[in-house]
């Protein structure tokens, strides 16, 4: 009873409710974003593989990855991008400040959090997910223990970890269902308010 857990929630001076966000059917050029640490445990190779499938149904879709890279993993991702022929669809960008990241979020359609299923990642909470939630960006994420303790299927589009086909299927279906994207984003925003620093 002497311990209180305070979540590492977003800076609400930067990541604010995006009242101008519009949810329309996406038939082409879906824009996916990830920001933060880029290492194998965060599963970006799964998201890149999923993008290949997504482009079969939603051509011109892109994934932009911002952050600090594990050097060997970045080489692996570059090789994967070339092998899949996604040089014009996946962008490996560097570190940007939070204000810039918020601008990129506003220009995106989905936040992806494709963490791998291991002991550590089941305990880790994603601040990037919270930043997407705070900005009304729909999130597609691996169904891991820590996420499931806070969010349900009405807030996050959960996928089977390390399953690129499932990740692609969730995003494709949401591209053609703007009402569900809006519902997920709004519900996640409400959930986030209940665990904010202010509370």
N, C-alpha and C. Protein backbone atom coordinates (compact mmCIF):
# COMPACT_ATOMS: atom_id res chain seq x y z
N UNK A 1 0.81 -1.22 0.00
CA UNK A 1 0.00 0.00 0.00
C UNK A 1 0.85 1.27 0.00
N UNK A 2 2.16 1.12 0.14
CA UNK A 2 3.04 2.29 0.16
C UNK A 2 3.60 2.63 -1.22
N UNK A 3 3.17 1.90 -2.24
CA UNK A 3 3.72 2.09 -3.59
C UNK A 3 2.63 2.57 -4.54
N UNK A 4 2.94 3.61 -5.27
CA UNK A 4 2.06 4.08 -6.34
C UNK A 4 2.84 4.06 -7.64
N UNK A 5 2.26 3.48 -8.68
CA UNK A 5 2.90 3.44 -9.99
C UNK A 5 2.42 4.62 -10.81
N UNK A 6 3.36 5.40 -11.32
CA UNK A 6 3.03 6.53 -12.19
C UNK A 6 3.56 6.20 -13.59
N UNK A 7 2.65 6.11 -14.55
CA UNK A 7 3.03 5.76 -15.91
C UNK A 7 3.84 6.89 -16.56
N UNK A 8 4.72 6.51 -17.47
CA UNK A 8 5.51 7.49 -18.21
C UNK A 8 4.68 7.95 -19.42
N UNK A 9 3.70 8.77 -19.16
CA UNK A 9 2.77 9.20 -20.21
C UNK A 9 3.32 10.42 -20.96
N UNK A 10 2.71 10.75 -22.11
CA UNK A 10 3.27 11.79 -22.98
C UNK A 10 3.23 13.18 -22.37
N UNK A 11 4.08 14.03 -22.88
CA UNK A 11 4.06 15.45 -22.54
C UNK A 11 2.88 16.08 -23.27
N UNK A 12 1.83 16.43 -22.52
CA UNK A 12 0.62 16.93 -23.17
C UNK A 12 0.75 18.39 -23.64
N UNK A 13 1.91 18.97 -23.43
CA UNK A 13 2.17 20.27 -24.04
C UNK A 13 2.56 20.11 -25.51
N UNK A 14 2.98 18.89 -25.88
CA UNK A 14 3.41 18.61 -27.25
C UNK A 14 2.40 17.72 -27.96
N UNK A 15 2.06 16.58 -27.33
CA UNK A 15 1.18 15.61 -27.96
C UNK A 15 -0.26 15.90 -27.54
N UNK A 16 -0.97 16.59 -28.41
CA UNK A 16 -2.31 17.07 -28.07
C UNK A 16 -3.38 16.44 -28.96
N UNK A 17 -4.60 16.53 -28.48
CA UNK A 17 -5.76 16.02 -29.20
C UNK A 17 -5.83 16.70 -30.58
N UNK A 18 -5.72 15.89 -31.63
CA UNK A 18 -5.69 16.44 -32.99
C UNK A 18 -7.12 16.56 -33.53
N UNK A 19 -7.76 17.68 -33.25
CA UNK A 19 -9.15 17.88 -33.63
C UNK A 19 -9.33 17.98 -35.15
N UNK A 20 -8.24 18.18 -35.87
CA UNK A 20 -8.32 18.29 -37.32
C UNK A 20 -8.09 16.97 -38.05
N UNK A 21 -7.82 15.91 -37.29
CA UNK A 21 -7.58 14.62 -37.94
C UNK A 21 -8.85 14.12 -38.62
N UNK A 22 -8.71 13.67 -39.84
CA UNK A 22 -9.84 13.14 -40.60
C UNK A 22 -9.65 11.65 -40.85
N UNK A 23 -10.75 10.92 -40.82
CA UNK A 23 -10.72 9.48 -41.04
C UNK A 23 -11.52 9.16 -42.30
N UNK A 24 -10.81 8.84 -43.36
CA UNK A 24 -11.44 8.51 -44.63
C UNK A 24 -10.98 7.13 -45.10
N UNK A 25 -11.71 6.57 -46.05
CA UNK A 25 -11.25 5.32 -46.65
C UNK A 25 -9.90 5.55 -47.33
N UNK A 26 -8.97 4.64 -47.08
CA UNK A 26 -7.62 4.75 -47.65
C UNK A 26 -7.46 3.64 -48.70
N UNK A 27 -7.49 4.02 -49.96
CA UNK A 27 -7.34 3.05 -51.05
C UNK A 27 -5.90 2.96 -51.54
N UNK A 28 -5.10 3.97 -51.21
CA UNK A 28 -3.70 3.96 -51.59
C UNK A 28 -2.93 4.90 -50.65
N UNK A 29 -1.62 4.71 -50.62
CA UNK A 29 -0.72 5.61 -49.89
C UNK A 29 -1.00 5.70 -48.39
N UNK A 30 -1.26 4.58 -47.75
CA UNK A 30 -1.36 4.59 -46.28
C UNK A 30 0.00 4.93 -45.70
N UNK A 31 0.00 5.76 -44.66
CA UNK A 31 1.26 6.23 -44.08
C UNK A 31 1.41 5.69 -42.65
N UNK A 32 2.41 4.82 -42.47
CA UNK A 32 2.68 4.21 -41.18
C UNK A 32 3.90 4.89 -40.56
N UNK A 33 3.88 5.01 -39.23
CA UNK A 33 5.01 5.64 -38.55
C UNK A 33 5.43 4.81 -37.34
N UNK A 34 6.72 4.83 -37.07
CA UNK A 34 7.31 4.30 -35.83
C UNK A 34 8.40 5.27 -35.42
N UNK A 35 8.50 5.56 -34.12
CA UNK A 35 9.61 6.38 -33.65
C UNK A 35 10.12 5.84 -32.32
N UNK A 36 11.39 6.05 -32.08
CA UNK A 36 11.99 5.57 -30.84
C UNK A 36 13.21 4.73 -31.12
N UNK A 37 13.57 3.91 -30.17
CA UNK A 37 14.73 3.03 -30.33
C UNK A 37 14.44 2.01 -31.44
N UNK A 38 15.45 1.77 -32.28
CA UNK A 38 15.30 0.80 -33.37
C UNK A 38 16.30 -0.33 -33.14
N UNK A 39 15.81 -1.41 -32.56
CA UNK A 39 16.60 -2.60 -32.30
C UNK A 39 15.70 -3.81 -32.55
N UNK A 40 16.28 -4.98 -32.62
CA UNK A 40 15.53 -6.18 -33.03
C UNK A 40 14.31 -6.43 -32.16
N UNK A 41 14.44 -6.20 -30.85
CA UNK A 41 13.34 -6.51 -29.93
C UNK A 41 12.08 -5.68 -30.22
N UNK A 42 12.22 -4.59 -30.97
CA UNK A 42 11.07 -3.76 -31.28
C UNK A 42 10.34 -4.19 -32.55
N UNK A 43 10.87 -5.19 -33.25
CA UNK A 43 10.12 -5.87 -34.31
C UNK A 43 9.90 -5.10 -35.59
N UNK A 44 10.76 -4.17 -35.94
CA UNK A 44 10.54 -3.40 -37.17
C UNK A 44 10.65 -4.26 -38.41
N UNK A 45 11.41 -5.34 -38.35
CA UNK A 45 11.49 -6.25 -39.50
C UNK A 45 10.15 -6.89 -39.80
N UNK A 46 9.35 -7.11 -38.76
CA UNK A 46 8.01 -7.66 -38.95
C UNK A 46 7.12 -6.64 -39.66
N UNK A 47 7.23 -5.38 -39.24
CA UNK A 47 6.43 -4.32 -39.86
C UNK A 47 6.81 -4.13 -41.33
N UNK A 48 8.10 -4.24 -41.64
CA UNK A 48 8.54 -4.09 -43.03
C UNK A 48 8.01 -5.24 -43.88
N UNK A 49 8.07 -6.44 -43.33
CA UNK A 49 7.52 -7.58 -44.06
C UNK A 49 6.01 -7.39 -44.28
N UNK A 50 5.32 -6.88 -43.27
CA UNK A 50 3.87 -6.64 -43.40
C UNK A 50 3.58 -5.62 -44.49
N UNK A 51 4.46 -4.63 -44.63
CA UNK A 51 4.24 -3.58 -45.63
C UNK A 51 4.21 -4.15 -47.04
N UNK A 52 4.96 -5.20 -47.28
CA UNK A 52 4.94 -5.85 -48.60
C UNK A 52 3.52 -6.34 -48.90
N UNK A 53 2.88 -6.96 -47.92
CA UNK A 53 1.51 -7.46 -48.10
C UNK A 53 0.52 -6.30 -48.21
N UNK A 54 0.73 -5.28 -47.40
CA UNK A 54 -0.18 -4.13 -47.41
C UNK A 54 -0.22 -3.49 -48.80
N UNK A 55 0.92 -3.40 -49.44
CA UNK A 55 0.99 -2.75 -50.75
C UNK A 55 0.28 -3.53 -51.85
N UNK A 56 0.01 -4.79 -51.59
CA UNK A 56 -0.77 -5.57 -52.56
C UNK A 56 -2.22 -5.09 -52.60
N UNK A 57 -2.71 -4.57 -51.49
CA UNK A 57 -4.10 -4.10 -51.40
C UNK A 57 -4.22 -2.58 -51.34
N UNK A 58 -3.21 -1.96 -50.75
CA UNK A 58 -3.21 -0.50 -50.60
C UNK A 58 -1.89 0.01 -51.17
N UNK A 59 -1.82 0.12 -52.50
CA UNK A 59 -0.55 0.45 -53.14
C UNK A 59 -0.02 1.83 -52.74
N UNK A 60 1.28 1.92 -52.76
CA UNK A 60 1.93 3.19 -52.41
C UNK A 60 2.06 3.45 -50.93
N UNK A 61 1.74 2.45 -50.10
CA UNK A 61 1.82 2.63 -48.65
C UNK A 61 3.28 2.70 -48.20
N UNK A 62 3.52 3.47 -47.15
CA UNK A 62 4.88 3.69 -46.68
C UNK A 62 5.00 3.47 -45.17
N UNK A 63 6.20 3.16 -44.74
CA UNK A 63 6.54 3.08 -43.32
C UNK A 63 7.76 3.95 -43.10
N UNK A 64 7.63 4.95 -42.24
CA UNK A 64 8.76 5.82 -41.91
C UNK A 64 9.18 5.54 -40.48
N UNK A 65 10.45 5.26 -40.29
CA UNK A 65 11.00 4.87 -39.00
C UNK A 65 11.97 5.96 -38.53
N UNK A 66 11.64 6.59 -37.42
CA UNK A 66 12.48 7.64 -36.84
C UNK A 66 13.13 7.11 -35.56
N UNK A 67 14.40 7.45 -35.35
CA UNK A 67 14.99 7.08 -34.07
C UNK A 67 16.47 6.79 -34.13
N UNK A 68 16.95 6.28 -33.00
CA UNK A 68 18.34 5.87 -32.89
C UNK A 68 18.45 4.38 -33.17
N UNK A 69 19.40 3.99 -34.01
CA UNK A 69 19.48 2.62 -34.52
C UNK A 69 20.60 1.82 -33.88
N UNK A 70 20.29 0.56 -33.58
CA UNK A 70 21.33 -0.44 -33.37
C UNK A 70 21.99 -0.66 -34.73
N UNK A 71 23.30 -0.46 -34.83
CA UNK A 71 23.97 -0.43 -36.14
C UNK A 71 23.80 -1.72 -36.92
N UNK A 72 23.98 -2.86 -36.27
CA UNK A 72 23.86 -4.13 -36.99
C UNK A 72 22.41 -4.37 -37.43
N UNK A 73 21.46 -3.92 -36.62
CA UNK A 73 20.05 -4.11 -36.98
C UNK A 73 19.68 -3.21 -38.15
N UNK A 74 20.24 -2.02 -38.21
CA UNK A 74 19.97 -1.12 -39.33
C UNK A 74 20.45 -1.74 -40.64
N UNK A 75 21.61 -2.38 -40.61
CA UNK A 75 22.12 -3.08 -41.79
C UNK A 75 21.16 -4.18 -42.19
N UNK A 76 20.68 -4.92 -41.20
CA UNK A 76 19.71 -6.00 -41.45
C UNK A 76 18.44 -5.45 -42.10
N UNK A 77 17.94 -4.33 -41.58
CA UNK A 77 16.73 -3.73 -42.14
C UNK A 77 16.95 -3.26 -43.57
N UNK A 78 18.09 -2.66 -43.83
CA UNK A 78 18.40 -2.20 -45.19
C UNK A 78 18.43 -3.37 -46.17
N UNK A 79 19.02 -4.48 -45.74
CA UNK A 79 19.07 -5.67 -46.59
C UNK A 79 17.66 -6.21 -46.83
N UNK A 80 16.83 -6.19 -45.79
CA UNK A 80 15.46 -6.67 -45.92
C UNK A 80 14.65 -5.79 -46.88
N UNK A 81 14.81 -4.49 -46.74
CA UNK A 81 14.10 -3.54 -47.60
C UNK A 81 14.48 -3.77 -49.07
N UNK A 82 15.76 -3.98 -49.32
CA UNK A 82 16.21 -4.22 -50.69
C UNK A 82 15.68 -5.54 -51.22
N UNK A 83 15.73 -6.57 -50.39
CA UNK A 83 15.27 -7.90 -50.80
C UNK A 83 13.78 -7.89 -51.15
N UNK A 84 12.99 -7.10 -50.41
CA UNK A 84 11.55 -7.05 -50.64
C UNK A 84 11.16 -6.01 -51.69
N UNK A 85 12.13 -5.29 -52.19
CA UNK A 85 11.84 -4.27 -53.19
C UNK A 85 11.05 -3.10 -52.65
N UNK A 86 11.34 -2.70 -51.41
CA UNK A 86 10.58 -1.64 -50.75
C UNK A 86 11.40 -0.36 -50.57
N UNK A 87 12.37 -0.16 -51.44
CA UNK A 87 13.23 1.03 -51.30
C UNK A 87 12.45 2.33 -51.37
N UNK A 88 11.33 2.34 -52.10
CA UNK A 88 10.51 3.55 -52.22
C UNK A 88 9.37 3.58 -51.21
N UNK A 89 9.36 2.61 -50.29
CA UNK A 89 8.23 2.51 -49.35
C UNK A 89 8.64 2.57 -47.88
N UNK A 90 9.89 2.27 -47.59
CA UNK A 90 10.37 2.29 -46.19
C UNK A 90 11.49 3.31 -46.08
N UNK A 91 11.36 4.22 -45.12
CA UNK A 91 12.33 5.28 -44.94
C UNK A 91 12.93 5.18 -43.54
N UNK A 92 14.24 5.00 -43.48
CA UNK A 92 14.95 4.92 -42.20
C UNK A 92 15.51 6.29 -41.88
N UNK A 93 14.80 7.01 -41.05
CA UNK A 93 15.17 8.38 -40.71
C UNK A 93 15.88 8.40 -39.36
N UNK A 94 16.47 9.53 -39.01
CA UNK A 94 17.24 9.63 -37.79
C UNK A 94 16.43 10.14 -36.61
N UNK A 95 17.14 10.66 -35.63
CA UNK A 95 16.52 11.16 -34.40
C UNK A 95 15.98 12.57 -34.63
N UNK A 96 14.78 12.83 -34.15
CA UNK A 96 14.16 14.15 -34.23
C UNK A 96 13.62 14.52 -32.85
N UNK A 97 13.45 15.82 -32.61
CA UNK A 97 12.89 16.23 -31.33
C UNK A 97 11.39 15.93 -31.29
N UNK A 98 10.82 16.00 -30.11
CA UNK A 98 9.42 15.58 -29.93
C UNK A 98 8.44 16.47 -30.69
N UNK A 99 8.75 17.73 -30.78
CA UNK A 99 7.87 18.63 -31.55
C UNK A 99 7.82 18.21 -33.02
N UNK A 100 8.96 17.83 -33.56
CA UNK A 100 9.00 17.36 -34.95
C UNK A 100 8.25 16.05 -35.09
N UNK A 101 8.43 15.16 -34.12
CA UNK A 101 7.75 13.87 -34.16
C UNK A 101 6.23 14.07 -34.15
N UNK A 102 5.76 15.00 -33.34
CA UNK A 102 4.32 15.27 -33.32
C UNK A 102 3.82 15.70 -34.70
N UNK A 103 4.61 16.51 -35.39
CA UNK A 103 4.25 16.91 -36.75
C UNK A 103 4.18 15.72 -37.70
N UNK A 104 5.12 14.78 -37.56
CA UNK A 104 5.10 13.59 -38.40
C UNK A 104 3.88 12.72 -38.08
N UNK A 105 3.54 12.64 -36.80
CA UNK A 105 2.36 11.88 -36.39
C UNK A 105 1.10 12.45 -37.03
N UNK A 106 1.01 13.76 -37.06
CA UNK A 106 -0.16 14.41 -37.66
C UNK A 106 -0.31 14.07 -39.14
N UNK A 107 0.80 13.77 -39.80
CA UNK A 107 0.78 13.47 -41.23
C UNK A 107 0.60 11.98 -41.50
N UNK A 108 0.50 11.16 -40.44
CA UNK A 108 0.45 9.70 -40.59
C UNK A 108 -0.96 9.16 -40.40
N UNK A 109 -1.16 7.92 -40.84
CA UNK A 109 -2.46 7.25 -40.72
C UNK A 109 -2.48 6.19 -39.63
N UNK A 110 -1.32 5.60 -39.34
CA UNK A 110 -1.23 4.54 -38.33
C UNK A 110 0.08 4.65 -37.57
N UNK A 111 0.03 4.39 -36.28
CA UNK A 111 1.22 4.17 -35.49
C UNK A 111 1.40 2.67 -35.33
N UNK A 112 2.59 2.15 -35.59
CA UNK A 112 2.83 0.71 -35.46
C UNK A 112 3.78 0.45 -34.30
N UNK A 113 3.42 -0.54 -33.49
CA UNK A 113 4.22 -0.93 -32.33
C UNK A 113 4.36 -2.46 -32.38
N UNK A 114 5.26 -2.97 -33.25
CA UNK A 114 5.31 -4.41 -33.53
C UNK A 114 6.29 -5.18 -32.66
N UNK A 115 6.26 -4.92 -31.36
CA UNK A 115 7.24 -5.52 -30.44
C UNK A 115 7.24 -7.05 -30.51
N UNK A 116 8.42 -7.64 -30.29
CA UNK A 116 8.53 -9.09 -30.23
C UNK A 116 8.02 -9.61 -28.89
N UNK A 117 7.65 -10.87 -28.88
CA UNK A 117 7.09 -11.50 -27.68
C UNK A 117 8.21 -12.16 -26.88
N UNK A 118 8.75 -11.42 -25.91
CA UNK A 118 9.74 -12.01 -25.01
C UNK A 118 9.50 -11.46 -23.61
N UNK A 119 10.27 -11.95 -22.66
CA UNK A 119 10.05 -11.59 -21.26
C UNK A 119 10.15 -10.08 -21.04
N UNK A 120 11.18 -9.49 -21.61
CA UNK A 120 11.40 -8.05 -21.40
C UNK A 120 10.29 -7.22 -22.04
N UNK A 121 9.96 -7.52 -23.30
CA UNK A 121 9.00 -6.69 -24.01
C UNK A 121 7.59 -6.85 -23.45
N UNK A 122 7.30 -7.96 -22.79
CA UNK A 122 6.01 -8.10 -22.12
C UNK A 122 5.90 -7.24 -20.88
N UNK A 123 7.04 -6.81 -20.36
CA UNK A 123 7.04 -5.92 -19.19
C UNK A 123 7.14 -4.45 -19.59
N UNK A 124 7.67 -4.20 -20.79
CA UNK A 124 7.94 -2.82 -21.21
C UNK A 124 6.66 -2.15 -21.72
N UNK A 125 6.44 -0.92 -21.28
CA UNK A 125 5.34 -0.13 -21.81
C UNK A 125 5.89 0.83 -22.85
N UNK A 126 5.11 1.04 -23.90
CA UNK A 126 5.56 1.85 -25.01
C UNK A 126 5.12 3.30 -24.85
N UNK A 127 6.07 4.19 -24.59
CA UNK A 127 5.73 5.61 -24.55
C UNK A 127 5.29 6.10 -25.92
N UNK A 128 5.88 5.53 -26.98
CA UNK A 128 5.48 5.95 -28.33
C UNK A 128 4.01 5.65 -28.57
N UNK A 129 3.53 4.50 -28.06
CA UNK A 129 2.11 4.18 -28.21
C UNK A 129 1.25 5.25 -27.54
N UNK A 130 1.64 5.66 -26.35
CA UNK A 130 0.89 6.69 -25.64
C UNK A 130 0.91 8.01 -26.42
N UNK A 131 2.04 8.31 -27.05
CA UNK A 131 2.14 9.55 -27.83
C UNK A 131 1.23 9.50 -29.05
N UNK A 132 1.10 8.33 -29.65
CA UNK A 132 0.14 8.18 -30.75
C UNK A 132 -1.29 8.34 -30.22
N UNK A 133 -1.57 7.69 -29.09
CA UNK A 133 -2.91 7.78 -28.49
C UNK A 133 -3.29 9.22 -28.18
N UNK A 134 -2.34 9.97 -27.63
CA UNK A 134 -2.61 11.36 -27.25
C UNK A 134 -2.89 12.23 -28.46
N UNK A 135 -2.41 11.79 -29.64
CA UNK A 135 -2.55 12.58 -30.87
C UNK A 135 -3.68 12.08 -31.76
N UNK A 136 -4.46 11.13 -31.25
CA UNK A 136 -5.59 10.55 -31.99
C UNK A 136 -5.16 9.73 -33.21
N UNK A 137 -3.94 9.19 -33.17
CA UNK A 137 -3.47 8.34 -34.26
C UNK A 137 -3.82 6.89 -33.93
N UNK A 138 -4.55 6.20 -34.80
CA UNK A 138 -4.87 4.79 -34.54
C UNK A 138 -3.60 3.95 -34.44
N UNK A 139 -3.60 2.99 -33.52
CA UNK A 139 -2.41 2.19 -33.25
C UNK A 139 -2.67 0.72 -33.56
N UNK A 140 -1.71 0.11 -34.24
CA UNK A 140 -1.70 -1.34 -34.45
C UNK A 140 -0.46 -1.86 -33.71
N UNK A 141 -0.68 -2.79 -32.77
CA UNK A 141 0.41 -3.19 -31.87
C UNK A 141 0.35 -4.67 -31.55
N UNK A 142 1.50 -5.24 -31.24
CA UNK A 142 1.56 -6.62 -30.76
C UNK A 142 0.78 -6.74 -29.47
N UNK A 143 0.05 -7.84 -29.35
CA UNK A 143 -0.70 -8.07 -28.11
C UNK A 143 0.24 -8.67 -27.07
N UNK A 144 0.77 -7.81 -26.23
CA UNK A 144 1.66 -8.22 -25.16
C UNK A 144 1.03 -7.91 -23.81
N UNK A 145 1.58 -8.48 -22.78
CA UNK A 145 0.95 -8.43 -21.46
C UNK A 145 0.77 -7.00 -20.94
N UNK A 146 1.82 -6.19 -21.06
CA UNK A 146 1.74 -4.84 -20.50
C UNK A 146 0.69 -4.00 -21.22
N UNK A 147 0.64 -4.10 -22.55
CA UNK A 147 -0.35 -3.34 -23.31
C UNK A 147 -1.77 -3.77 -22.93
N UNK A 148 -1.95 -5.09 -22.79
CA UNK A 148 -3.29 -5.63 -22.53
C UNK A 148 -3.81 -5.26 -21.15
N UNK A 149 -2.90 -4.91 -20.24
CA UNK A 149 -3.33 -4.49 -18.91
C UNK A 149 -4.01 -3.12 -18.94
N UNK A 150 -3.73 -2.34 -19.98
CA UNK A 150 -4.24 -0.97 -20.05
C UNK A 150 -5.31 -0.82 -21.12
N UNK A 151 -5.07 -1.41 -22.30
CA UNK A 151 -5.95 -1.21 -23.44
C UNK A 151 -6.70 -2.50 -23.78
N UNK A 152 -7.85 -2.34 -24.44
CA UNK A 152 -8.60 -3.49 -24.93
C UNK A 152 -8.72 -3.40 -26.45
N UNK A 153 -9.49 -4.34 -27.02
CA UNK A 153 -9.62 -4.40 -28.47
C UNK A 153 -10.43 -3.24 -29.04
N UNK A 154 -11.09 -2.48 -28.20
CA UNK A 154 -11.81 -1.30 -28.66
C UNK A 154 -10.93 -0.05 -28.69
N UNK A 155 -9.66 -0.21 -28.26
CA UNK A 155 -8.74 0.93 -28.20
C UNK A 155 -7.53 0.76 -29.11
N UNK A 156 -7.05 -0.48 -29.21
CA UNK A 156 -5.85 -0.79 -29.99
C UNK A 156 -6.17 -1.95 -30.92
N UNK A 157 -5.68 -1.88 -32.15
CA UNK A 157 -5.80 -3.02 -33.07
C UNK A 157 -4.66 -3.98 -32.75
N UNK A 158 -4.95 -4.95 -31.88
CA UNK A 158 -3.91 -5.89 -31.45
C UNK A 158 -3.65 -6.94 -32.53
N UNK A 159 -2.38 -7.32 -32.66
CA UNK A 159 -2.00 -8.36 -33.60
C UNK A 159 -1.20 -9.44 -32.88
N UNK A 160 -1.14 -10.59 -33.50
CA UNK A 160 -0.31 -11.66 -32.96
C UNK A 160 1.15 -11.27 -33.14
N UNK A 161 1.94 -11.28 -32.07
CA UNK A 161 3.34 -10.86 -32.18
C UNK A 161 4.10 -11.66 -33.24
N UNK A 162 4.95 -10.97 -33.97
CA UNK A 162 5.84 -11.60 -34.96
C UNK A 162 5.08 -12.23 -36.12
N UNK A 163 3.84 -11.79 -36.34
CA UNK A 163 3.02 -12.32 -37.43
C UNK A 163 2.76 -11.19 -38.43
N UNK A 164 3.59 -11.14 -39.47
CA UNK A 164 3.49 -10.04 -40.44
C UNK A 164 2.16 -10.07 -41.19
N UNK A 165 1.65 -11.26 -41.48
CA UNK A 165 0.38 -11.37 -42.19
C UNK A 165 -0.76 -10.80 -41.37
N UNK A 166 -0.77 -11.09 -40.08
CA UNK A 166 -1.82 -10.57 -39.20
C UNK A 166 -1.71 -9.05 -39.08
N UNK A 167 -0.50 -8.55 -38.96
CA UNK A 167 -0.28 -7.11 -38.89
C UNK A 167 -0.79 -6.43 -40.17
N UNK A 168 -0.46 -7.01 -41.31
CA UNK A 168 -0.91 -6.46 -42.59
C UNK A 168 -2.43 -6.51 -42.69
N UNK A 169 -3.01 -7.63 -42.30
CA UNK A 169 -4.46 -7.79 -42.40
C UNK A 169 -5.20 -6.75 -41.56
N UNK A 170 -4.70 -6.50 -40.34
CA UNK A 170 -5.34 -5.51 -39.47
C UNK A 170 -5.30 -4.12 -40.12
N UNK A 171 -4.15 -3.76 -40.66
CA UNK A 171 -4.01 -2.43 -41.26
C UNK A 171 -4.86 -2.30 -42.52
N UNK A 172 -4.86 -3.33 -43.35
CA UNK A 172 -5.66 -3.29 -44.58
C UNK A 172 -7.13 -3.10 -44.25
N UNK A 173 -7.64 -3.88 -43.30
CA UNK A 173 -9.05 -3.77 -42.93
C UNK A 173 -9.37 -2.38 -42.38
N UNK A 174 -8.46 -1.83 -41.59
CA UNK A 174 -8.69 -0.50 -41.03
C UNK A 174 -8.62 0.59 -42.10
N UNK A 175 -7.84 0.37 -43.14
CA UNK A 175 -7.79 1.34 -44.23
C UNK A 175 -9.18 1.54 -44.84
N UNK A 176 -9.94 0.47 -44.89
CA UNK A 176 -11.26 0.53 -45.52
C UNK A 176 -12.38 0.72 -44.51
N UNK A 177 -12.02 0.95 -43.25
CA UNK A 177 -13.03 1.13 -42.21
C UNK A 177 -12.69 2.36 -41.36
N UNK A 178 -12.93 3.55 -41.89
CA UNK A 178 -12.55 4.78 -41.17
C UNK A 178 -13.29 4.95 -39.85
N UNK A 179 -14.52 4.45 -39.77
CA UNK A 179 -15.27 4.57 -38.52
C UNK A 179 -14.60 3.80 -37.39
N UNK A 180 -14.05 2.64 -37.71
CA UNK A 180 -13.36 1.86 -36.67
C UNK A 180 -12.05 2.53 -36.29
N UNK A 181 -11.36 3.12 -37.27
CA UNK A 181 -10.13 3.85 -36.93
C UNK A 181 -10.43 4.98 -35.95
N UNK A 182 -11.49 5.70 -36.22
CA UNK A 182 -11.88 6.79 -35.33
C UNK A 182 -12.23 6.25 -33.93
N UNK A 183 -12.99 5.16 -33.88
CA UNK A 183 -13.37 4.58 -32.60
C UNK A 183 -12.15 4.16 -31.79
N UNK A 184 -11.22 3.47 -32.44
CA UNK A 184 -10.00 3.04 -31.75
C UNK A 184 -9.24 4.24 -31.19
N UNK A 185 -9.08 5.25 -32.01
CA UNK A 185 -8.31 6.43 -31.60
C UNK A 185 -8.98 7.16 -30.44
N UNK A 186 -10.29 7.34 -30.53
CA UNK A 186 -11.02 8.04 -29.48
C UNK A 186 -11.00 7.26 -28.17
N UNK A 187 -11.20 5.95 -28.25
CA UNK A 187 -11.21 5.12 -27.03
C UNK A 187 -9.83 5.07 -26.38
N UNK A 188 -8.80 4.97 -27.20
CA UNK A 188 -7.44 4.96 -26.66
C UNK A 188 -7.12 6.29 -25.99
N UNK A 189 -7.57 7.38 -26.58
CA UNK A 189 -7.35 8.70 -25.99
C UNK A 189 -8.01 8.79 -24.62
N UNK A 190 -9.23 8.30 -24.51
CA UNK A 190 -9.96 8.33 -23.23
C UNK A 190 -9.24 7.47 -22.19
N UNK A 191 -8.80 6.28 -22.60
CA UNK A 191 -8.07 5.40 -21.68
C UNK A 191 -6.81 6.07 -21.18
N UNK A 192 -6.10 6.74 -22.07
CA UNK A 192 -4.86 7.40 -21.70
C UNK A 192 -5.08 8.49 -20.66
N UNK A 193 -6.20 9.19 -20.75
CA UNK A 193 -6.47 10.26 -19.79
C UNK A 193 -6.56 9.73 -18.36
N UNK A 194 -6.98 8.48 -18.22
CA UNK A 194 -7.15 7.88 -16.89
C UNK A 194 -5.84 7.53 -16.21
N UNK A 195 -4.73 7.49 -16.97
CA UNK A 195 -3.44 7.15 -16.38
C UNK A 195 -2.43 8.28 -16.55
N UNK A 196 -2.90 9.45 -16.89
CA UNK A 196 -2.00 10.57 -17.17
C UNK A 196 -1.32 11.04 -15.89
N UNK A 197 -0.25 11.81 -16.05
CA UNK A 197 0.46 12.38 -14.90
C UNK A 197 -0.48 13.26 -14.07
N UNK A 198 -1.39 13.96 -14.75
CA UNK A 198 -2.29 14.84 -14.03
C UNK A 198 -3.16 14.07 -13.04
N UNK A 199 -3.65 12.92 -13.47
CA UNK A 199 -4.46 12.07 -12.59
C UNK A 199 -3.60 11.55 -11.44
